[in-house]
């Protein structure tokens, strides 16, 4: 049984880039990921863009959380292989401190990338108000 058959209609949790390399071209509808935000992980974003471009169907989407500190660099890296579509803002009641920029973030960006397939895409709200701030199941909560 191939990885594609084994993983059909399942959610895979693991190192996104390692898992992506195990799949054939054009087989994914949606990539959702939350890579680390530090400067030492900047290489991840271009690799994520390249693998998503390879794996996503032409109607597929990449949604990825990002921190705000290196957001311009992240956008540049992701745009190397994918087409930028939008930033979805997820508001947080719990504030995140960004000491380097002397800012207190009350939101997180979720970056939306895709292809030229917007004809049948309905309008969407780009600001989300979470119904819960529960971090019991989050590694960094």
N, C-alpha and C. Protein backbone atom coordinates (compact mmCIF):
# COMPACT_ATOMS: atom_id res chain seq x y z
N UNK A 1 0.85 -1.18 0.00
CA UNK A 1 0.00 0.00 0.00
C UNK A 1 0.89 1.24 0.00
N UNK A 2 0.57 2.21 -0.86
CA UNK A 2 1.36 3.44 -0.94
C UNK A 2 1.02 4.36 0.23
N UNK A 3 1.90 5.33 0.48
CA UNK A 3 1.63 6.32 1.53
C UNK A 3 0.34 7.07 1.24
N UNK A 4 0.11 7.38 -0.04
CA UNK A 4 -1.10 8.10 -0.41
C UNK A 4 -2.35 7.30 -0.05
N UNK A 5 -2.36 6.02 -0.35
CA UNK A 5 -3.50 5.17 0.00
C UNK A 5 -3.63 5.03 1.52
N UNK A 6 -2.51 4.86 2.18
CA UNK A 6 -2.50 4.69 3.64
C UNK A 6 -3.00 5.94 4.36
N UNK A 7 -2.69 7.11 3.81
CA UNK A 7 -3.03 8.37 4.47
C UNK A 7 -4.33 9.00 3.99
N UNK A 8 -4.99 8.42 3.00
CA UNK A 8 -6.23 9.00 2.47
C UNK A 8 -7.26 9.16 3.58
N UNK A 9 -7.87 10.36 3.62
CA UNK A 9 -8.91 10.70 4.61
C UNK A 9 -8.42 10.58 6.05
N UNK A 10 -7.15 10.91 6.26
CA UNK A 10 -6.60 10.92 7.61
C UNK A 10 -5.88 12.25 7.83
N UNK A 11 -5.60 12.54 9.06
CA UNK A 11 -4.78 13.70 9.41
C UNK A 11 -3.45 13.15 9.88
N UNK A 12 -2.37 13.67 9.30
CA UNK A 12 -1.03 13.25 9.69
C UNK A 12 -0.41 14.32 10.57
N UNK A 13 0.16 13.91 11.67
CA UNK A 13 0.81 14.83 12.58
C UNK A 13 2.29 14.47 12.64
N UNK A 14 3.15 15.42 12.31
CA UNK A 14 4.57 15.14 12.33
C UNK A 14 5.32 16.29 11.67
N UNK A 15 6.58 16.08 11.38
CA UNK A 15 7.39 17.06 10.69
C UNK A 15 6.86 17.18 9.27
N UNK A 16 6.23 18.29 8.99
CA UNK A 16 5.53 18.50 7.72
C UNK A 16 6.44 18.23 6.52
N UNK A 17 7.65 18.77 6.54
CA UNK A 17 8.53 18.63 5.38
C UNK A 17 8.94 17.18 5.16
N UNK A 18 9.17 16.42 6.22
CA UNK A 18 9.51 15.00 6.08
C UNK A 18 8.32 14.22 5.53
N UNK A 19 7.14 14.49 6.06
CA UNK A 19 5.95 13.78 5.59
C UNK A 19 5.65 14.12 4.13
N UNK A 20 5.82 15.37 3.76
CA UNK A 20 5.51 15.80 2.39
C UNK A 20 6.38 15.09 1.36
N UNK A 21 7.61 14.83 1.69
CA UNK A 21 8.54 14.19 0.75
C UNK A 21 8.13 12.76 0.41
N UNK A 22 7.25 12.18 1.21
CA UNK A 22 6.82 10.79 1.00
C UNK A 22 5.63 10.67 0.05
N UNK A 23 5.11 11.79 -0.44
CA UNK A 23 3.90 11.77 -1.25
C UNK A 23 4.17 12.15 -2.70
N UNK A 24 3.33 11.66 -3.62
CA UNK A 24 3.50 11.99 -5.04
C UNK A 24 2.96 13.39 -5.38
N UNK A 25 3.37 13.91 -6.49
CA UNK A 25 2.95 15.24 -6.96
C UNK A 25 1.43 15.33 -7.10
N UNK A 26 0.90 16.52 -6.81
CA UNK A 26 -0.49 16.83 -7.08
C UNK A 26 -1.54 16.00 -6.37
N UNK A 27 -1.26 15.56 -5.16
CA UNK A 27 -2.19 14.64 -4.48
C UNK A 27 -2.88 15.23 -3.26
N UNK A 28 -2.62 16.48 -2.92
CA UNK A 28 -3.12 17.08 -1.68
C UNK A 28 -4.10 18.20 -1.99
N UNK A 29 -5.17 18.30 -1.19
CA UNK A 29 -6.14 19.38 -1.32
C UNK A 29 -5.80 20.56 -0.40
N UNK A 30 -5.23 20.27 0.76
CA UNK A 30 -5.02 21.31 1.76
C UNK A 30 -3.82 20.97 2.63
N UNK A 31 -2.94 21.95 2.81
CA UNK A 31 -1.83 21.84 3.76
C UNK A 31 -2.10 22.86 4.86
N UNK A 32 -2.15 22.41 6.10
CA UNK A 32 -2.30 23.27 7.27
C UNK A 32 -1.12 22.98 8.18
N UNK A 33 -0.36 24.02 8.53
CA UNK A 33 0.83 23.80 9.34
C UNK A 33 1.14 25.01 10.21
N UNK A 34 1.95 24.80 11.23
CA UNK A 34 2.34 25.84 12.18
C UNK A 34 3.83 25.68 12.50
N UNK A 35 4.71 26.07 11.55
CA UNK A 35 6.15 25.91 11.77
C UNK A 35 6.65 26.80 12.91
N UNK A 36 7.83 26.49 13.43
CA UNK A 36 8.45 27.37 14.44
C UNK A 36 8.72 28.75 13.83
N UNK A 37 8.68 29.79 14.66
CA UNK A 37 8.75 31.16 14.17
C UNK A 37 10.13 31.80 14.26
N UNK A 38 11.08 31.17 14.91
CA UNK A 38 12.39 31.79 15.13
C UNK A 38 13.20 31.97 13.86
N UNK A 39 14.15 32.90 13.92
CA UNK A 39 15.00 33.20 12.76
C UNK A 39 15.77 31.96 12.30
N UNK A 40 16.16 31.09 13.23
CA UNK A 40 16.91 29.89 12.87
C UNK A 40 16.08 28.90 12.04
N UNK A 41 14.76 29.13 11.95
CA UNK A 41 13.89 28.25 11.17
C UNK A 41 13.42 28.89 9.87
N UNK A 42 14.05 29.97 9.44
CA UNK A 42 13.61 30.65 8.23
C UNK A 42 13.71 29.76 6.99
N UNK A 43 14.63 28.80 6.98
CA UNK A 43 14.77 27.89 5.83
C UNK A 43 13.50 27.07 5.60
N UNK A 44 12.72 26.87 6.65
CA UNK A 44 11.52 26.03 6.55
C UNK A 44 10.51 26.60 5.56
N UNK A 45 10.39 27.94 5.53
CA UNK A 45 9.33 28.57 4.75
C UNK A 45 9.49 28.35 3.25
N UNK A 46 10.68 28.48 2.72
CA UNK A 46 10.88 28.24 1.29
C UNK A 46 10.67 26.77 0.97
N UNK A 47 11.16 25.88 1.84
CA UNK A 47 10.94 24.45 1.63
C UNK A 47 9.45 24.11 1.66
N UNK A 48 8.72 24.74 2.58
CA UNK A 48 7.27 24.52 2.67
C UNK A 48 6.59 24.98 1.39
N UNK A 49 7.00 26.13 0.87
CA UNK A 49 6.44 26.65 -0.38
C UNK A 49 6.71 25.69 -1.54
N UNK A 50 7.94 25.23 -1.64
CA UNK A 50 8.31 24.34 -2.74
C UNK A 50 7.53 23.02 -2.67
N UNK A 51 7.48 22.40 -1.49
CA UNK A 51 6.77 21.14 -1.34
C UNK A 51 5.26 21.30 -1.54
N UNK A 52 4.70 22.40 -1.05
CA UNK A 52 3.27 22.64 -1.24
C UNK A 52 2.95 22.83 -2.72
N UNK A 53 3.79 23.57 -3.42
CA UNK A 53 3.61 23.76 -4.86
C UNK A 53 3.63 22.42 -5.59
N UNK A 54 4.49 21.54 -5.17
CA UNK A 54 4.61 20.23 -5.81
C UNK A 54 3.42 19.34 -5.49
N UNK A 55 2.98 19.35 -4.24
CA UNK A 55 1.97 18.40 -3.78
C UNK A 55 0.52 18.82 -3.98
N UNK A 56 0.27 20.12 -3.90
CA UNK A 56 -1.12 20.57 -3.96
C UNK A 56 -1.71 20.42 -5.35
N UNK A 57 -2.98 20.02 -5.36
CA UNK A 57 -3.75 20.05 -6.60
C UNK A 57 -3.89 21.51 -6.99
N UNK A 58 -4.17 21.79 -8.23
CA UNK A 58 -4.28 23.19 -8.69
C UNK A 58 -5.48 23.91 -8.06
N UNK A 59 -6.33 23.19 -7.36
CA UNK A 59 -7.43 23.80 -6.61
C UNK A 59 -7.13 23.81 -5.11
N UNK A 60 -5.90 23.44 -4.74
CA UNK A 60 -5.53 23.30 -3.33
C UNK A 60 -5.09 24.60 -2.69
N UNK A 61 -4.95 24.54 -1.36
CA UNK A 61 -4.58 25.71 -0.56
C UNK A 61 -3.53 25.34 0.48
N UNK A 62 -2.67 26.30 0.77
CA UNK A 62 -1.72 26.22 1.88
C UNK A 62 -2.15 27.26 2.91
N UNK A 63 -2.41 26.81 4.13
CA UNK A 63 -2.69 27.69 5.26
C UNK A 63 -1.61 27.43 6.30
N UNK A 64 -0.91 28.48 6.70
CA UNK A 64 0.15 28.30 7.68
C UNK A 64 0.17 29.46 8.67
N UNK A 65 0.23 29.12 9.94
CA UNK A 65 0.46 30.13 10.97
C UNK A 65 1.86 30.70 10.79
N UNK A 66 2.03 31.92 11.23
CA UNK A 66 3.35 32.54 11.24
C UNK A 66 3.41 33.49 12.42
N UNK A 67 4.60 33.73 12.91
CA UNK A 67 4.78 34.80 13.87
C UNK A 67 4.82 36.12 13.12
N UNK A 68 4.78 37.23 13.83
CA UNK A 68 4.79 38.53 13.16
C UNK A 68 6.18 39.14 13.03
N UNK A 69 7.14 38.70 13.83
CA UNK A 69 8.46 39.32 13.84
C UNK A 69 9.16 39.24 12.49
N UNK A 70 9.13 38.09 11.84
CA UNK A 70 9.79 37.89 10.55
C UNK A 70 8.79 37.75 9.41
N UNK A 71 7.61 38.32 9.57
CA UNK A 71 6.55 38.17 8.59
C UNK A 71 6.96 38.59 7.17
N UNK A 72 7.65 39.71 6.97
CA UNK A 72 8.06 40.05 5.60
C UNK A 72 8.94 38.97 4.96
N UNK A 73 9.88 38.42 5.71
CA UNK A 73 10.75 37.38 5.19
C UNK A 73 9.97 36.09 4.89
N UNK A 74 9.02 35.77 5.77
CA UNK A 74 8.19 34.58 5.57
C UNK A 74 7.36 34.73 4.29
N UNK A 75 6.73 35.89 4.10
CA UNK A 75 5.94 36.14 2.90
C UNK A 75 6.79 36.01 1.64
N UNK A 76 8.00 36.55 1.67
CA UNK A 76 8.91 36.46 0.52
C UNK A 76 9.26 35.00 0.22
N UNK A 77 9.58 34.24 1.25
CA UNK A 77 9.95 32.83 1.06
C UNK A 77 8.79 32.00 0.52
N UNK A 78 7.61 32.19 1.10
CA UNK A 78 6.44 31.42 0.64
C UNK A 78 6.05 31.79 -0.79
N UNK A 79 6.27 33.05 -1.15
CA UNK A 79 5.88 33.52 -2.48
C UNK A 79 6.82 33.05 -3.59
N UNK A 80 7.90 32.38 -3.22
CA UNK A 80 8.83 31.90 -4.23
C UNK A 80 8.20 30.83 -5.12
N UNK A 81 7.35 29.96 -4.53
CA UNK A 81 6.74 28.87 -5.30
C UNK A 81 5.21 28.90 -5.30
N UNK A 82 4.61 29.72 -4.45
CA UNK A 82 3.14 29.76 -4.33
C UNK A 82 2.65 31.19 -4.55
N UNK A 83 1.36 31.33 -4.79
CA UNK A 83 0.76 32.64 -5.01
C UNK A 83 0.09 33.10 -3.71
N UNK A 84 0.50 34.25 -3.21
CA UNK A 84 -0.09 34.83 -2.01
C UNK A 84 -1.55 35.19 -2.29
N UNK A 85 -2.44 34.85 -1.34
CA UNK A 85 -3.86 35.17 -1.48
C UNK A 85 -4.37 36.08 -0.38
N UNK A 86 -3.98 35.83 0.88
CA UNK A 86 -4.53 36.64 1.97
C UNK A 86 -3.81 36.33 3.27
N UNK A 87 -4.00 37.24 4.22
CA UNK A 87 -3.63 36.98 5.61
C UNK A 87 -4.94 36.92 6.39
N UNK A 88 -5.11 35.83 7.09
CA UNK A 88 -6.26 35.67 7.98
C UNK A 88 -5.77 36.03 9.37
N UNK A 89 -6.47 36.90 10.03
CA UNK A 89 -6.08 37.36 11.37
C UNK A 89 -6.84 36.54 12.41
N UNK A 90 -6.11 35.89 13.31
CA UNK A 90 -6.72 35.17 14.42
C UNK A 90 -6.45 35.99 15.68
N UNK A 91 -7.50 36.54 16.24
CA UNK A 91 -7.37 37.36 17.45
C UNK A 91 -7.17 36.48 18.67
N UNK A 92 -6.36 36.96 19.61
CA UNK A 92 -6.07 36.21 20.83
C UNK A 92 -6.29 37.11 22.04
N UNK A 93 -7.06 36.62 22.99
CA UNK A 93 -7.25 37.37 24.23
C UNK A 93 -5.95 37.38 25.02
N UNK A 94 -5.22 36.27 24.97
CA UNK A 94 -3.92 36.18 25.64
C UNK A 94 -2.88 36.84 24.74
N UNK A 95 -2.22 37.84 25.22
CA UNK A 95 -1.25 38.60 24.42
C UNK A 95 0.09 37.89 24.36
N UNK A 96 0.74 38.02 23.20
CA UNK A 96 2.07 37.46 23.00
C UNK A 96 3.07 38.61 23.00
N UNK A 97 4.11 38.48 23.78
CA UNK A 97 5.11 39.52 23.88
C UNK A 97 6.19 39.32 22.83
N UNK A 98 6.49 40.36 22.10
CA UNK A 98 7.56 40.35 21.11
C UNK A 98 8.58 41.40 21.57
N UNK A 99 9.51 40.99 22.42
CA UNK A 99 10.44 41.92 23.05
C UNK A 99 11.29 42.67 22.04
N UNK A 100 11.70 42.00 20.99
CA UNK A 100 12.60 42.63 20.02
C UNK A 100 11.95 43.85 19.37
N UNK A 101 10.66 43.75 19.07
CA UNK A 101 9.95 44.87 18.44
C UNK A 101 9.23 45.75 19.45
N UNK A 102 9.34 45.42 20.73
CA UNK A 102 8.65 46.17 21.78
C UNK A 102 7.15 46.26 21.50
N UNK A 103 6.58 45.12 21.10
CA UNK A 103 5.15 45.05 20.78
C UNK A 103 4.50 43.94 21.60
N UNK A 104 3.23 44.12 21.86
CA UNK A 104 2.42 43.07 22.47
C UNK A 104 1.37 42.69 21.43
N UNK A 105 1.55 41.51 20.82
CA UNK A 105 0.65 41.06 19.77
C UNK A 105 -0.62 40.46 20.37
N UNK A 106 -1.76 40.88 19.87
CA UNK A 106 -3.04 40.31 20.26
C UNK A 106 -3.65 39.52 19.12
N UNK A 107 -2.80 39.14 18.15
CA UNK A 107 -3.26 38.41 16.99
C UNK A 107 -2.16 37.53 16.42
N UNK A 108 -2.53 36.57 15.60
CA UNK A 108 -1.58 35.73 14.88
C UNK A 108 -1.99 35.73 13.42
N UNK A 109 -1.03 35.85 12.52
CA UNK A 109 -1.36 35.74 11.10
C UNK A 109 -1.41 34.28 10.65
N UNK A 110 -2.42 33.98 9.86
CA UNK A 110 -2.50 32.71 9.15
C UNK A 110 -2.40 33.08 7.66
N UNK A 111 -1.38 32.58 7.01
CA UNK A 111 -1.11 32.96 5.63
C UNK A 111 -1.79 31.98 4.69
N UNK A 112 -2.45 32.53 3.69
CA UNK A 112 -3.19 31.73 2.72
C UNK A 112 -2.53 31.86 1.36
N UNK A 113 -2.10 30.73 0.82
CA UNK A 113 -1.47 30.67 -0.49
C UNK A 113 -2.20 29.65 -1.35
N UNK A 114 -2.20 29.88 -2.65
CA UNK A 114 -2.88 28.96 -3.56
C UNK A 114 -2.36 29.14 -4.97
N UNK A 115 -3.27 28.96 -5.93
CA UNK A 115 -2.95 29.09 -7.34
C UNK A 115 -3.95 30.06 -7.96
N UNK A 116 -4.07 30.06 -9.27
CA UNK A 116 -5.04 30.94 -9.96
C UNK A 116 -6.40 30.26 -10.07
N UNK A 117 -7.02 29.98 -8.95
CA UNK A 117 -8.27 29.22 -8.96
C UNK A 117 -9.36 29.90 -8.14
N UNK A 118 -9.51 31.20 -8.27
CA UNK A 118 -10.42 31.94 -7.41
C UNK A 118 -11.84 32.07 -7.96
N UNK A 119 -12.10 31.61 -9.18
CA UNK A 119 -13.41 31.81 -9.79
C UNK A 119 -14.55 31.28 -8.93
N UNK A 120 -14.42 30.08 -8.39
CA UNK A 120 -15.50 29.46 -7.62
C UNK A 120 -15.32 29.61 -6.11
N UNK A 121 -14.42 30.47 -5.69
CA UNK A 121 -14.16 30.65 -4.27
C UNK A 121 -15.10 31.70 -3.69
N UNK A 122 -15.91 31.32 -2.68
CA UNK A 122 -16.82 32.32 -2.09
C UNK A 122 -16.06 33.32 -1.23
N UNK A 123 -16.68 34.46 -1.00
CA UNK A 123 -16.08 35.48 -0.12
C UNK A 123 -15.97 34.91 1.30
N UNK A 124 -14.90 35.29 1.97
CA UNK A 124 -14.65 34.80 3.32
C UNK A 124 -14.29 35.98 4.23
N UNK A 125 -14.54 35.82 5.50
CA UNK A 125 -14.12 36.78 6.52
C UNK A 125 -12.64 36.54 6.80
N UNK A 126 -11.84 37.59 6.93
CA UNK A 126 -10.41 37.37 7.18
C UNK A 126 -10.00 37.67 8.62
N UNK A 127 -10.96 37.91 9.51
CA UNK A 127 -10.67 38.07 10.93
C UNK A 127 -11.46 37.02 11.69
N UNK A 128 -10.75 36.21 12.48
CA UNK A 128 -11.40 35.14 13.25
C UNK A 128 -11.30 35.44 14.73
N UNK A 129 -12.41 35.27 15.42
CA UNK A 129 -12.47 35.42 16.86
C UNK A 129 -12.64 34.03 17.45
N UNK A 130 -11.58 33.43 17.98
CA UNK A 130 -11.70 32.07 18.52
C UNK A 130 -12.73 32.00 19.64
N UNK A 131 -13.42 30.88 19.69
CA UNK A 131 -14.43 30.69 20.73
C UNK A 131 -13.79 30.24 22.04
N UNK A 132 -12.51 29.87 21.99
CA UNK A 132 -11.84 29.37 23.19
C UNK A 132 -10.35 29.72 23.14
N UNK A 133 -9.77 29.92 24.29
CA UNK A 133 -8.31 30.14 24.38
C UNK A 133 -7.63 28.92 24.99
N UNK A 134 -8.27 27.77 24.91
CA UNK A 134 -7.78 26.54 25.51
C UNK A 134 -6.48 26.10 24.86
N UNK A 135 -5.42 25.97 25.63
CA UNK A 135 -4.12 25.54 25.12
C UNK A 135 -3.69 24.21 25.74
N UNK A 136 -4.64 23.45 26.29
CA UNK A 136 -4.28 22.20 26.95
C UNK A 136 -3.56 21.23 26.03
N UNK A 137 -3.86 21.26 24.75
CA UNK A 137 -3.32 20.27 23.83
C UNK A 137 -2.22 20.84 22.93
N UNK A 138 -1.80 22.05 23.20
CA UNK A 138 -0.77 22.69 22.39
C UNK A 138 0.57 22.54 23.09
N UNK A 139 1.58 22.11 22.35
CA UNK A 139 2.90 21.84 22.90
C UNK A 139 3.47 23.04 23.66
N UNK A 140 3.19 24.27 23.16
CA UNK A 140 3.77 25.45 23.79
C UNK A 140 2.79 26.17 24.69
N UNK A 141 1.64 25.57 24.95
CA UNK A 141 0.58 26.23 25.74
C UNK A 141 0.97 26.43 27.19
